[in-house]
Amino acid sequence: QLQASGAGLVQPGGSLRLSCAASGSIFKINAVGWYRQAPGKQRELVAQITSGGSANYADSVKGRVTISRDNAKNTVYLQMNSLKPEDTAVYSCNGAVFDGSRWYVSWGQGTQVTVSS
């Protein structure tokens, strides 16, 4: 399974790095996406990265967010800079994982990001 971490409270303009790590039972992860959901809003895709490292971003975070991965650690990161109050949301990751016998889609539990002064 995927496990998201890195929750925090930061001031506007601050930075935060989220991690999406595969549990020990996972051999490999494929494409992974980071999503967020703010109160009263629909969940939206923030960024996604392929197994080869190609990334794309939502327009709202372009230039401020970088998604990356460490395949040796089966971990995907979301580096967020110049954070704004509107970035406040629960962030979760989703990806295709291989447990040695099958591929399946896994959701990591949400991690809260709050941007406030």
PDB file of N, CA and C in Angstrom:
ATOM      1  N   GLN A   1       0.833  -1.194   0.000  1.00  0.00           N
ATOM      2  CA  GLN A   1       0.000   0.000   0.000  1.00  0.00           C
ATOM      3  C   GLN A   1       0.870   1.248   0.000  1.00  0.00           C
ATOM      4  N   LEU A   2       0.265   2.352  -0.430  1.00  0.00           N
ATOM      5  CA  LEU A   2       0.968   3.628  -0.404  1.00  0.00           C
ATOM      6  C   LEU A   2       0.621   4.371   0.867  1.00  0.00           C
ATOM      7  N   GLN A   3       1.603   5.085   1.418  1.00  0.00           N
ATOM      8  CA  GLN A   3       1.420   5.818   2.667  1.00  0.00           C
ATOM      9  C   GLN A   3       1.915   7.234   2.473  1.00  0.00           C
ATOM     10  N   ALA A   4       0.998   8.185   2.632  1.00  0.00           N
ATOM     11  CA  ALA A   4       1.350   9.591   2.480  1.00  0.00           C
ATOM     12  C   ALA A   4       1.727  10.182   3.822  1.00  0.00           C
ATOM     13  N   SER A   5       2.703  11.081   3.809  1.00  0.00           N
ATOM     14  CA  SER A   5       3.134  11.743   5.039  1.00  0.00           C
ATOM     15  C   SER A   5       3.670  13.125   4.708  1.00  0.00           C
ATOM     16  N   GLY A   6       3.900  13.912   5.758  1.00  0.00           N
ATOM     17  CA  GLY A   6       4.459  15.240   5.570  1.00  0.00           C
ATOM     18  C   GLY A   6       3.519  16.363   5.937  1.00  0.00           C
ATOM     19  N   ALA A   7       2.458  16.025   6.655  1.00  0.00           N
ATOM     20  CA  ALA A   7       1.473  17.036   7.053  1.00  0.00           C
ATOM     21  C   ALA A   7       2.142  18.181   7.791  1.00  0.00           C
ATOM     22  N   GLY A   8       1.541  19.379   7.623  1.00  0.00           N
ATOM     23  CA  GLY A   8       2.104  20.489   8.352  1.00  0.00           C
ATOM     24  C   GLY A   8       1.313  21.760   8.231  1.00  0.00           C
ATOM     25  N   LEU A   9       1.648  22.675   9.122  1.00  0.00           N
ATOM     26  CA  LEU A   9       1.090  24.026   9.112  1.00  0.00           C
ATOM     27  C   LEU A   9       2.228  24.963   8.741  1.00  0.00           C
ATOM     28  N   VAL A  10       2.071  25.683   7.659  1.00  0.00           N
ATOM     29  CA  VAL A  10       3.113  26.600   7.206  1.00  0.00           C
ATOM     30  C   VAL A  10       2.526  27.962   6.919  1.00  0.00           C
ATOM     31  N   GLN A  11       3.364  28.971   6.977  1.00  0.00           N
ATOM     32  CA  GLN A  11       2.915  30.316   6.661  1.00  0.00           C
ATOM     33  C   GLN A  11       2.911  30.517   5.150  1.00  0.00           C
ATOM     34  N   PRO A  12       2.117  31.432   4.681  1.00  0.00           N
ATOM     35  CA  PRO A  12       2.139  31.731   3.247  1.00  0.00           C
ATOM     36  C   PRO A  12       3.564  32.053   2.794  1.00  0.00           C
ATOM     37  N   GLY A  13       3.905  31.497   1.651  1.00  0.00           N
ATOM     38  CA  GLY A  13       5.260  31.668   1.147  1.00  0.00           C
ATOM     39  C   GLY A  13       6.209  30.582   1.582  1.00  0.00           C
ATOM     40  N   GLY A  14       5.765  29.754   2.496  1.00  0.00           N
ATOM     41  CA  GLY A  14       6.611  28.688   3.009  1.00  0.00           C
ATOM     42  C   GLY A  14       6.658  27.477   2.103  1.00  0.00           C
ATOM     43  N   SER A  15       7.380  26.478   2.569  1.00  0.00           N
ATOM     44  CA  SER A  15       7.569  25.258   1.786  1.00  0.00           C
ATOM     45  C   SER A  15       7.252  24.030   2.623  1.00  0.00           C
ATOM     46  N   LEU A  16       6.921  22.965   1.916  1.00  0.00           N
ATOM     47  CA  LEU A  16       6.621  21.701   2.571  1.00  0.00           C
ATOM     48  C   LEU A  16       6.901  20.584   1.580  1.00  0.00           C
ATOM     49  N   ARG A  17       7.387  19.465   2.092  1.00  0.00           N
ATOM     50  CA  ARG A  17       7.597  18.317   1.217  1.00  0.00           C
ATOM     51  C   ARG A  17       6.762  17.145   1.712  1.00  0.00           C
ATOM     52  N   LEU A  18       5.956  16.621   0.829  1.00  0.00           N
ATOM     53  CA  LEU A  18       5.151  15.443   1.132  1.00  0.00           C
ATOM     54  C   LEU A  18       5.818  14.208   0.541  1.00  0.00           C
ATOM     55  N   SER A  19       5.605  13.088   1.215  1.00  0.00           N
ATOM     56  CA  SER A  19       6.149  11.822   0.726  1.00  0.00           C
ATOM     57  C   SER A  19       5.029  10.810   0.556  1.00  0.00           C
ATOM     58  N   CYS A  20       5.166  10.000  -0.462  1.00  0.00           N
ATOM     59  CA  CYS A  20       4.232   8.905  -0.721  1.00  0.00           C
ATOM     60  C   CYS A  20       5.090   7.657  -0.842  1.00  0.00           C
ATOM     61  N   ALA A  21       5.092   6.854   0.194  1.00  0.00           N
ATOM     62  CA  ALA A  21       5.988   5.700   0.243  1.00  0.00           C
ATOM     63  C   ALA A  21       5.205   4.398   0.160  1.00  0.00           C
ATOM     64  N   ALA A  22       5.797   3.446  -0.524  1.00  0.00           N
ATOM     65  CA  ALA A  22       5.178   2.128  -0.618  1.00  0.00           C
ATOM     66  C   ALA A  22       5.569   1.298   0.596  1.00  0.00           C
ATOM     67  N   SER A  23       4.631   0.532   1.096  1.00  0.00           N
ATOM     68  CA  SER A  23       4.922  -0.331   2.234  1.00  0.00           C
ATOM     69  C   SER A  23       5.864  -1.447   1.816  1.00  0.00           C
ATOM     70  N   GLY A  24       6.369  -2.164   2.800  1.00  0.00           N
ATOM     71  CA  GLY A  24       7.354  -3.195   2.541  1.00  0.00           C
ATOM     72  C   GLY A  24       6.887  -4.320   1.648  1.00  0.00           C
ATOM     73  N   SER A  25       5.582  -4.488   1.537  1.00  0.00           N
ATOM     74  CA  SER A  25       5.051  -5.572   0.716  1.00  0.00           C
ATOM     75  C   SER A  25       5.010  -5.229  -0.759  1.00  0.00           C
ATOM     76  N   ILE A  26       5.335  -4.001  -1.073  1.00  0.00           N
ATOM     77  CA  ILE A  26       5.273  -3.535  -2.461  1.00  0.00           C
ATOM     78  C   ILE A  26       6.661  -3.622  -3.102  1.00  0.00           C
ATOM     79  N   PHE A  27       6.693  -4.227  -4.284  1.00  0.00           N
ATOM     80  CA  PHE A  27       7.955  -4.377  -5.000  1.00  0.00           C
ATOM     81  C   PHE A  27       8.238  -3.190  -5.907  1.00  0.00           C
ATOM     82  N   LYS A  28       7.158  -2.661  -6.470  1.00  0.00           N
ATOM     83  CA  LYS A  28       7.345  -1.627  -7.483  1.00  0.00           C
ATOM     84  C   LYS A  28       6.114  -0.747  -7.559  1.00  0.00           C
ATOM     85  N   ILE A  29       6.319   0.520  -7.867  1.00  0.00           N
ATOM     86  CA  ILE A  29       5.197   1.405  -8.127  1.00  0.00           C
ATOM     87  C   ILE A  29       5.350   1.990  -9.524  1.00  0.00           C
ATOM     88  N   ASN A  30       4.239   2.212 -10.159  1.00  0.00           N
ATOM     89  CA  ASN A  30       4.243   2.730 -11.523  1.00  0.00           C
ATOM     90  C   ASN A  30       3.925   4.216 -11.467  1.00  0.00           C
ATOM     91  N   ALA A  31       3.039   4.682 -12.291  1.00  0.00           N
ATOM     92  CA  ALA A  31       2.667   6.094 -12.271  1.00  0.00           C
ATOM     93  C   ALA A  31       1.975   6.432 -10.953  1.00  0.00           C
ATOM     94  N   VAL A  32       2.271   7.620 -10.444  1.00  0.00           N
ATOM     95  CA  VAL A  32       1.689   8.074  -9.174  1.00  0.00           C
ATOM     96  C   VAL A  32       1.174   9.496  -9.332  1.00  0.00           C
ATOM     97  N   GLY A  33       0.046   9.747  -8.739  1.00  0.00           N
ATOM     98  CA  GLY A  33      -0.517  11.088  -8.747  1.00  0.00           C
ATOM     99  C   GLY A  33      -0.727  11.599  -7.329  1.00  0.00           C
ATOM    100  N   TRP A  34      -0.526  12.887  -7.163  1.00  0.00           N
ATOM    101  CA  TRP A  34      -0.866  13.557  -5.900  1.00  0.00           C
ATOM    102  C   TRP A  34      -2.157  14.321  -6.135  1.00  0.00           C
ATOM    103  N   TYR A  35      -3.092  14.154  -5.218  1.00  0.00           N
ATOM    104  CA  TYR A  35      -4.378  14.807  -5.298  1.00  0.00           C
ATOM    105  C   TYR A  35      -4.589  15.631  -4.031  1.00  0.00           C
ATOM    106  N   ARG A  36      -5.513  16.573  -4.113  1.00  0.00           N
ATOM    107  CA  ARG A  36      -5.866  17.316  -2.918  1.00  0.00           C
ATOM    108  C   ARG A  36      -7.359  17.608  -2.926  1.00  0.00           C
ATOM    109  N   GLN A  37      -7.867  17.740  -1.724  1.00  0.00           N
ATOM    110  CA  GLN A  37      -9.269  18.087  -1.573  1.00  0.00           C
ATOM    111  C   GLN A  37      -9.419  19.078  -0.433  1.00  0.00           C
ATOM    112  N   ALA A  38      -9.911  20.236  -0.784  1.00  0.00           N
ATOM    113  CA  ALA A  38     -10.169  21.277   0.208  1.00  0.00           C
ATOM    114  C   ALA A  38     -11.619  21.149   0.680  1.00  0.00           C
ATOM    115  N   PRO A  39     -11.908  21.650   1.859  1.00  0.00           N
ATOM    116  CA  PRO A  39     -13.279  21.562   2.381  1.00  0.00           C
ATOM    117  C   PRO A  39     -14.290  22.171   1.412  1.00  0.00           C
ATOM    118  N   GLY A  40     -15.310  21.409   1.112  1.00  0.00           N
ATOM    119  CA  GLY A  40     -16.360  21.893   0.245  1.00  0.00           C
ATOM    120  C   GLY A  40     -16.033  21.885  -1.235  1.00  0.00           C
ATOM    121  N   LYS A  41     -14.870  21.352  -1.579  1.00  0.00           N
ATOM    122  CA  LYS A  41     -14.462  21.321  -2.978  1.00  0.00           C
ATOM    123  C   LYS A  41     -14.223  19.894  -3.439  1.00  0.00           C
ATOM    124  N   GLN A  42     -14.223  19.724  -4.751  1.00  0.00           N
ATOM    125  CA  GLN A  42     -13.945  18.409  -5.298  1.00  0.00           C
ATOM    126  C   GLN A  42     -12.451  18.125  -5.250  1.00  0.00           C
ATOM    127  N   ARG A  43     -12.151  16.849  -5.223  1.00  0.00           N
ATOM    128  CA  ARG A  43     -10.752  16.458  -5.261  1.00  0.00           C
ATOM    129  C   ARG A  43     -10.163  16.813  -6.620  1.00  0.00           C
ATOM    130  N   GLU A  44      -8.940  17.294  -6.619  1.00  0.00           N
ATOM    131  CA  GLU A  44      -8.299  17.649  -7.872  1.00  0.00           C
ATOM    132  C   GLU A  44      -6.897  17.044  -7.935  1.00  0.00           C
ATOM    133  N   LEU A  45      -6.474  16.769  -9.163  1.00  0.00           N
ATOM    134  CA  LEU A  45      -5.137  16.250  -9.383  1.00  0.00           C
ATOM    135  C   LEU A  45      -4.147  17.411  -9.326  1.00  0.00           C
ATOM    136  N   VAL A  46      -3.148  17.284  -8.511  1.00  0.00           N
ATOM    137  CA  VAL A  46      -2.136  18.326  -8.360  1.00  0.00           C
ATOM    138  C   VAL A  46      -0.958  18.070  -9.299  1.00  0.00           C
ATOM    139  N   ALA A  47      -0.484  16.852  -9.288  1.00  0.00           N
ATOM    140  CA  ALA A  47       0.671  16.501 -10.116  1.00  0.00           C
ATOM    141  C   ALA A  47       0.715  14.992 -10.267  1.00  0.00           C
ATOM    142  N   GLN A  48       1.346  14.557 -11.334  1.00  0.00           N
ATOM    143  CA  GLN A  48       1.523  13.130 -11.522  1.00  0.00           C
ATOM    144  C   GLN A  48       2.850  12.874 -12.194  1.00  0.00           C
ATOM    145  N   ILE A  49       3.373  11.677 -11.959  1.00  0.00           N
ATOM    146  CA  ILE A  49       4.674  11.321 -12.507  1.00  0.00           C
ATOM    147  C   ILE A  49       4.615   9.891 -12.999  1.00  0.00           C
ATOM    148  N   THR A  50       5.209   9.657 -14.165  1.00  0.00           N
ATOM    149  CA  THR A  50       5.222   8.316 -14.729  1.00  0.00           C
ATOM    150  C   THR A  50       6.373   7.507 -14.123  1.00  0.00           C
ATOM    151  N   SER A  51       6.422   6.248 -14.459  1.00  0.00           N
ATOM    152  CA  SER A  51       7.495   5.407 -13.945  1.00  0.00           C
ATOM    153  C   SER A  51       8.851   5.876 -14.459  1.00  0.00           C
ATOM    154  N   GLY A  52       8.851   6.516 -15.617  1.00  0.00           N
ATOM    155  CA  GLY A  52      10.095   7.020 -16.188  1.00  0.00           C
ATOM    156  C   GLY A  52      10.481   8.402 -15.717  1.00  0.00           C
ATOM    157  N   GLY A  53       9.620   9.028 -14.930  1.00  0.00           N
ATOM    158  CA  GLY A  53       9.951  10.329 -14.379  1.00  0.00           C
ATOM    159  C   GLY A  53       9.335  11.528 -15.076  1.00  0.00           C
ATOM    160  N   SER A  54       8.512  11.297 -16.084  1.00  0.00           N
ATOM    161  CA  SER A  54       7.838  12.414 -16.742  1.00  0.00           C
ATOM    162  C   SER A  54       6.733  12.935 -15.833  1.00  0.00           C
ATOM    163  N   ALA A  55       6.662  14.246 -15.725  1.00  0.00           N
ATOM    164  CA  ALA A  55       5.713  14.842 -14.778  1.00  0.00           C
ATOM    165  C   ALA A  55       4.806  15.852 -15.465  1.00  0.00           C
ATOM    166  N   ASN A  56       3.630  16.005 -14.910  1.00  0.00           N
ATOM    167  CA  ASN A  56       2.778  17.109 -15.321  1.00  0.00           C
ATOM    168  C   ASN A  56       2.052  17.651 -14.106  1.00  0.00           C
ATOM    169  N   TYR A  57       1.603  18.900 -14.233  1.00  0.00           N
ATOM    170  CA  TYR A  57       1.096  19.634 -13.083  1.00  0.00           C
ATOM    171  C   TYR A  57      -0.212  20.354 -13.397  1.00  0.00           C
ATOM    172  N   ALA A  58      -0.989  20.559 -12.365  1.00  0.00           N
ATOM    173  CA  ALA A  58      -2.169  21.402 -12.502  1.00  0.00           C
ATOM    174  C   ALA A  58      -1.702  22.840 -12.702  1.00  0.00           C
ATOM    175  N   ASP A  59      -2.461  23.599 -13.457  1.00  0.00           N
ATOM    176  CA  ASP A  59      -2.085  24.988 -13.726  1.00  0.00           C
ATOM    177  C   ASP A  59      -1.936  25.785 -12.432  1.00  0.00           C
ATOM    178  N   SER A  60      -2.723  25.445 -11.437  1.00  0.00           N
ATOM    179  CA  SER A  60      -2.725  26.205 -10.191  1.00  0.00           C
ATOM    180  C   SER A  60      -1.428  26.055  -9.393  1.00  0.00           C
ATOM    181  N   VAL A  61      -0.627  25.049  -9.700  1.00  0.00           N
ATOM    182  CA  VAL A  61       0.600  24.830  -8.931  1.00  0.00           C
ATOM    183  C   VAL A  61       1.864  24.881  -9.778  1.00  0.00           C
ATOM    184  N   LYS A  62       1.712  25.045 -11.078  1.00  0.00           N
ATOM    185  CA  LYS A  62       2.892  25.082 -11.940  1.00  0.00           C
ATOM    186  C   LYS A  62       3.869  26.157 -11.492  1.00  0.00           C
ATOM    187  N   GLY A  63       5.135  25.770 -11.457  1.00  0.00           N
ATOM    188  CA  GLY A  63       6.170  26.707 -11.055  1.00  0.00           C
ATOM    189  C   GLY A  63       6.400  26.750  -9.553  1.00  0.00           C
ATOM    190  N   ARG A  64       5.491  26.160  -8.797  1.00  0.00           N
ATOM    191  CA  ARG A  64       5.629  26.170  -7.339  1.00  0.00           C
ATOM    192  C   ARG A  64       5.801  24.764  -6.767  1.00  0.00           C
ATOM    193  N   VAL A  65       5.442  23.787  -7.543  1.00  0.00           N
ATOM    194  CA  VAL A  65       5.428  22.407  -7.053  1.00  0.00           C
ATOM    195  C   VAL A  65       6.288  21.525  -7.957  1.00  0.00           C
ATOM    196  N   THR A  66       6.995  20.613  -7.347  1.00  0.00           N
ATOM    197  CA  THR A  66       7.797  19.652  -8.100  1.00  0.00           C
ATOM    198  C   THR A  66       7.526  18.248  -7.579  1.00  0.00           C
ATOM    199  N   ILE A  67       7.166  17.379  -8.492  1.00  0.00           N
ATOM    200  CA  ILE A  67       6.975  15.977  -8.138  1.00  0.00           C
ATOM    201  C   ILE A  67       8.204  15.202  -8.586  1.00  0.00           C
ATOM    202  N   SER A  68       8.653  14.295  -7.762  1.00  0.00           N
ATOM    203  CA  SER A  68       9.842  13.514  -8.091  1.00  0.00           C
ATOM    204  C   SER A  68       9.694  12.125  -7.482  1.00  0.00           C
ATOM    205  N   ARG A  69      10.596  11.241  -7.861  1.00  0.00           N
ATOM    206  CA  ARG A  69      10.506   9.892  -7.327  1.00  0.00           C
ATOM    207  C   ARG A  69      11.879   9.300  -7.119  1.00  0.00           C
ATOM    208  N   ASP A  70      11.950   8.414  -6.135  1.00  0.00           N
ATOM    209  CA  ASP A  70      13.156   7.648  -5.866  1.00  0.00           C
ATOM    210  C   ASP A  70      12.742   6.187  -5.998  1.00  0.00           C
ATOM    211  N   ASN A  71      13.023   5.604  -7.129  1.00  0.00           N
ATOM    212  CA  ASN A  71      12.570   4.238  -7.386  1.00  0.00           C
ATOM    213  C   ASN A  71      13.230   3.222  -6.452  1.00  0.00           C
ATOM    214  N   ALA A  72      14.443   3.512  -6.013  1.00  0.00           N
ATOM    215  CA  ALA A  72      15.123   2.595  -5.094  1.00  0.00           C
ATOM    216  C   ALA A  72      14.393   2.526  -3.755  1.00  0.00           C
ATOM    217  N   LYS A  73      13.761   3.625  -3.396  1.00  0.00           N
ATOM    218  CA  LYS A  73      13.019   3.686  -2.134  1.00  0.00           C
ATOM    219  C   LYS A  73      11.520   3.508  -2.332  1.00  0.00           C
ATOM    220  N   ASN A  74      11.102   3.344  -3.590  1.00  0.00           N
ATOM    221  CA  ASN A  74       9.666   3.237  -3.882  1.00  0.00           C
ATOM    222  C   ASN A  74       8.898   4.386  -3.232  1.00  0.00           C
ATOM    223  N   THR A  75       9.402   5.579  -3.438  1.00  0.00           N
ATOM    224  CA  THR A  75       8.805   6.767  -2.821  1.00  0.00           C
ATOM    225  C   THR A  75       8.678   7.877  -3.858  1.00  0.00           C
ATOM    226  N   VAL A  76       7.564   8.568  -3.783  1.00  0.00           N
ATOM    227  CA  VAL A  76       7.316   9.731  -4.629  1.00  0.00           C
ATOM    228  C   VAL A  76       7.155  10.940  -3.722  1.00  0.00           C
ATOM    229  N   TYR A  77       7.769  12.046  -4.114  1.00  0.00           N
ATOM    230  CA  TYR A  77       7.757  13.250  -3.299  1.00  0.00           C
ATOM    231  C   TYR A  77       6.979  14.373  -3.994  1.00  0.00           C
ATOM    232  N   LEU A  78       6.450  15.258  -3.192  1.00  0.00           N
ATOM    233  CA  LEU A  78       5.814  16.467  -3.711  1.00  0.00           C
ATOM    234  C   LEU A  78       6.405  17.638  -2.940  1.00  0.00           C
ATOM    235  N   GLN A  79       7.299  18.361  -3.604  1.00  0.00           N
ATOM    236  CA  GLN A  79       7.910  19.535  -3.002  1.00  0.00           C
ATOM    237  C   GLN A  79       7.056  20.755  -3.350  1.00  0.00           C
ATOM    238  N   MET A  80       6.573  21.419  -2.336  1.00  0.00           N
ATOM    239  CA  MET A  80       5.695  22.564  -2.551  1.00  0.00           C
ATOM    240  C   MET A  80       6.357  23.819  -1.992  1.00  0.00           C
ATOM    241  N   ASN A  81       6.519  24.801  -2.839  1.00  0.00           N
ATOM    242  CA  ASN A  81       7.129  26.067  -2.454  1.00  0.00           C
ATOM    243  C   ASN A  81       6.141  27.205  -2.669  1.00  0.00           C
ATOM    244  N   SER A  82       6.468  28.347  -2.119  1.00  0.00           N
ATOM    245  CA  SER A  82       5.621  29.541  -2.268  1.00  0.00           C
ATOM    246  C   SER A  82       4.160  29.203  -1.998  1.00  0.00           C
ATOM    247  N   LEU A  83       3.939  28.521  -0.904  1.00  0.00           N
ATOM    248  CA  LEU A  83       2.591  28.061  -0.591  1.00  0.00           C
ATOM    249  C   LEU A  83       1.634  29.214  -0.339  1.00  0.00           C
ATOM    250  N   LYS A  84       0.390  28.998  -0.747  1.00  0.00           N
ATOM    251  CA  LYS A  84      -0.660  29.993  -0.607  1.00  0.00           C
ATOM    252  C   LYS A  84      -1.772  29.417   0.263  1.00  0.00           C
ATOM    253  N   PRO A  85      -2.563  30.282   0.871  1.00  0.00           N
ATOM    254  CA  PRO A  85      -3.691  29.776   1.676  1.00  0.00           C
ATOM    255  C   PRO A  85      -4.601  28.848   0.882  1.00  0.00           C
ATOM    256  N   GLU A  86      -4.743  29.101  -0.406  1.00  0.00           N
ATOM    257  CA  GLU A  86      -5.614  28.248  -1.224  1.00  0.00           C
ATOM    258  C   GLU A  86      -5.028  26.871  -1.493  1.00  0.00           C
ATOM    259  N   ASP A  87      -3.800  26.649  -1.060  1.00  0.00           N
ATOM    260  CA  ASP A  87      -3.222  25.309  -1.155  1.00  0.00           C
ATOM    261  C   ASP A  87      -3.639  24.435   0.033  1.00  0.00           C
ATOM    262  N   THR A  88      -4.305  25.023   0.984  1.00  0.00           N
ATOM    263  CA  THR A  88      -4.770  24.265   2.148  1.00  0.00           C
ATOM    264  C   THR A  88      -5.748  23.184   1.709  1.00  0.00           C
ATOM    265  N   ALA A  89      -5.424  21.954   2.083  1.00  0.00           N
ATOM    266  CA  ALA A  89      -6.248  20.818   1.669  1.00  0.00           C
ATOM    267  C   ALA A  89      -5.683  19.547   2.289  1.00  0.00           C
ATOM    268  N   VAL A  90      -6.439  18.487   2.132  1.00  0.00           N
ATOM    269  CA  VAL A  90      -5.922  17.158   2.454  1.00  0.00           C
ATOM    270  C   VAL A  90      -5.310  16.601   1.178  1.00  0.00           C
ATOM    271  N   TYR A  91      -4.055  16.235   1.252  1.00  0.00           N
ATOM    272  CA  TYR A  91      -3.326  15.717   0.093  1.00  0.00           C
ATOM    273  C   TYR A  91      -3.203  14.198   0.222  1.00  0.00           C
ATOM    274  N   SER A  92      -3.433  13.518  -0.872  1.00  0.00           N
ATOM    275  CA  SER A  92      -3.292  12.064  -0.883  1.00  0.00           C
ATOM    276  C   SER A  92      -2.644  11.628  -2.186  1.00  0.00           C
ATOM    277  N   CYS A  93      -2.089  10.445  -2.169  1.00  0.00           N
ATOM    278  CA  CYS A  93      -1.426   9.939  -3.371  1.00  0.00           C
ATOM    279  C   CYS A  93      -2.120   8.667  -3.848  1.00  0.00           C
ATOM    280  N   ASN A  94      -1.979   8.445  -5.107  1.00  0.00           N
ATOM    281  CA  ASN A  94      -2.633   7.308  -5.755  1.00  0.00           C
ATOM    282  C   ASN A  94      -1.690   6.748  -6.797  1.00  0.00           C
ATOM    283  N   GLY A  95      -1.570   5.441  -6.848  1.00  0.00           N
ATOM    284  CA  GLY A  95      -0.688   4.875  -7.850  1.00  0.00           C
ATOM    285  C   GLY A  95      -0.900   3.399  -8.056  1.00  0.00           C
ATOM    286  N   ALA A  96      -0.341   2.912  -9.134  1.00  0.00           N
ATOM    287  CA  ALA A  96      -0.380   1.485  -9.427  1.00  0.00           C
ATOM    288  C   ALA A  96       0.822   0.828  -8.758  1.00  0.00           C
ATOM    289  N   VAL A  97       0.562  -0.189  -7.978  1.00  0.00           N
ATOM    290  CA  VAL A  97       1.633  -0.856  -7.245  1.00  0.00           C
ATOM    291  C   VAL A  97       1.632  -2.347  -7.550  1.00  0.00           C
ATOM    292  N   PHE A  98       2.815  -2.943  -7.446  1.00  0.00           N
ATOM    293  CA  PHE A  98       2.981  -4.368  -7.705  1.00  0.00           C
ATOM    294  C   PHE A  98       3.496  -5.032  -6.434  1.00  0.00           C
ATOM    295  N   ASP A  99       2.744  -6.045  -5.976  1.00  0.00           N
ATOM    296  CA  ASP A  99       3.105  -6.677  -4.713  1.00  0.00           C
ATOM    297  C   ASP A  99       3.833  -8.006  -4.886  1.00  0.00           C
ATOM    298  N   GLY A 100       4.261  -8.243  -6.101  1.00  0.00           N
ATOM    299  CA  GLY A 100       4.976  -9.478  -6.371  1.00  0.00           C
ATOM    300  C   GLY A 100       4.142 -10.489  -7.117  1.00  0.00           C
ATOM    301  N   SER A 101       2.810 -10.300  -7.054  1.00  0.00           N
ATOM    302  CA  SER A 101       1.946 -11.234  -7.760  1.00  0.00           C
ATOM    303  C   SER A 101       0.923 -10.521  -8.645  1.00  0.00           C
ATOM    304  N   ARG A 102       0.623  -9.286  -8.319  1.00  0.00           N
ATOM    305  CA  ARG A 102      -0.367  -8.557  -9.116  1.00  0.00           C
ATOM    306  C   ARG A 102      -0.168  -7.051  -8.989  1.00  0.00           C
ATOM    307  N   TRP A 103      -0.689  -6.347  -9.986  1.00  0.00           N
ATOM    308  CA  TRP A 103      -0.751  -4.890  -9.961  1.00  0.00           C
ATOM    309  C   TRP A 103      -2.128  -4.487  -9.461  1.00  0.00           C
ATOM    310  N   TYR A 104      -2.170  -3.436  -8.668  1.00  0.00           N
ATOM    311  CA  TYR A 104      -3.450  -2.883  -8.259  1.00  0.00           C
ATOM    312  C   TYR A 104      -3.246  -1.415  -7.932  1.00  0.00           C
ATOM    313  N   VAL A 105      -4.360  -0.714  -7.862  1.00  0.00           N
ATOM    314  CA  VAL A 105      -4.311   0.716  -7.569  1.00  0.00           C
ATOM    315  C   VAL A 105      -4.459   0.930  -6.070  1.00  0.00           C
ATOM    316  N   SER A 106      -3.564   1.714  -5.525  1.00  0.00           N
ATOM    317  CA  SER A 106      -3.564   1.982  -4.090  1.00  0.00           C
ATOM    318  C   SER A 106      -3.686   3.474  -3.818  1.00  0.00           C
ATOM    319  N   TRP A 107      -4.471   3.805  -2.808  1.00  0.00           N
ATOM    320  CA  TRP A 107      -4.587   5.182  -2.325  1.00  0.00           C
ATOM    321  C   TRP A 107      -3.870   5.285  -0.990  1.00  0.00           C
ATOM    322  N   GLY A 108      -3.019   6.277  -0.874  1.00  0.00           N
ATOM    323  CA  GLY A 108      -2.424   6.543   0.426  1.00  0.00           C
ATOM    324  C   GLY A 108      -3.389   7.379   1.252  1.00  0.00           C
ATOM    325  N   GLN A 109      -3.339   7.266   2.556  1.00  0.00           N
ATOM    326  CA  GLN A 109      -4.245   8.056   3.396  1.00  0.00           C
ATOM    327  C   GLN A 109      -3.890   9.531   3.267  1.00  0.00           C
ATOM    328  N   GLY A 110      -4.842  10.388   3.486  1.00  0.00           N
ATOM    329  CA  GLY A 110      -4.621  11.811   3.325  1.00  0.00           C
ATOM    330  C   GLY A 110      -3.706  12.394   4.380  1.00  0.00           C
ATOM    331  N   THR A 111      -3.029  13.466   3.984  1.00  0.00           N
ATOM    332  CA  THR A 111      -2.176  14.185   4.917  1.00  0.00           C
ATOM    333  C   THR A 111      -2.535  15.669   4.802  1.00  0.00           C
ATOM    334  N   GLN A 112      -2.744  16.301   5.936  1.00  0.00           N
ATOM    335  CA  GLN A 112      -3.268  17.667   5.961  1.00  0.00           C
ATOM    336  C   GLN A 112      -2.183  18.705   5.761  1.00  0.00           C
ATOM    337  N   VAL A 113      -2.430  19.595   4.827  1.00  0.00           N
ATOM    338  CA  VAL A 113      -1.557  20.752   4.609  1.00  0.00           C
ATOM    339  C   VAL A 113      -2.379  21.998   4.885  1.00  0.00           C
ATOM    340  N   THR A 114      -1.901  22.821   5.793  1.00  0.00           N
ATOM    341  CA  THR A 114      -2.585  24.061   6.138  1.00  0.00           C
ATOM    342  C   THR A 114      -1.625  25.222   5.951  1.00  0.00           C
ATOM    343  N   VAL A 115      -2.056  26.170   5.145  1.00  0.00           N
ATOM    344  CA  VAL A 115      -1.240  27.348   4.887  1.00  0.00           C
ATOM    345  C   VAL A 115      -1.967  28.548   5.499  1.00  0.00           C
ATOM    346  N   SER A 116      -1.377  29.076   6.528  1.00  0.00           N
ATOM    347  CA  SER A 116      -2.040  30.156   7.256  1.00  0.00           C
ATOM    348  C   SER A 116      -1.021  30.962   8.049  1.00  0.00           C
ATOM    349  N   SER A 117      -1.303  32.234   8.184  1.00  0.00           N
ATOM    350  CA  SER A 117      -0.443  33.088   9.004  1.00  0.00           C
ATOM    351  C   SER A 117      -0.988  33.172  10.423  1.00  0.00           C
TER     352      SER A 117
END
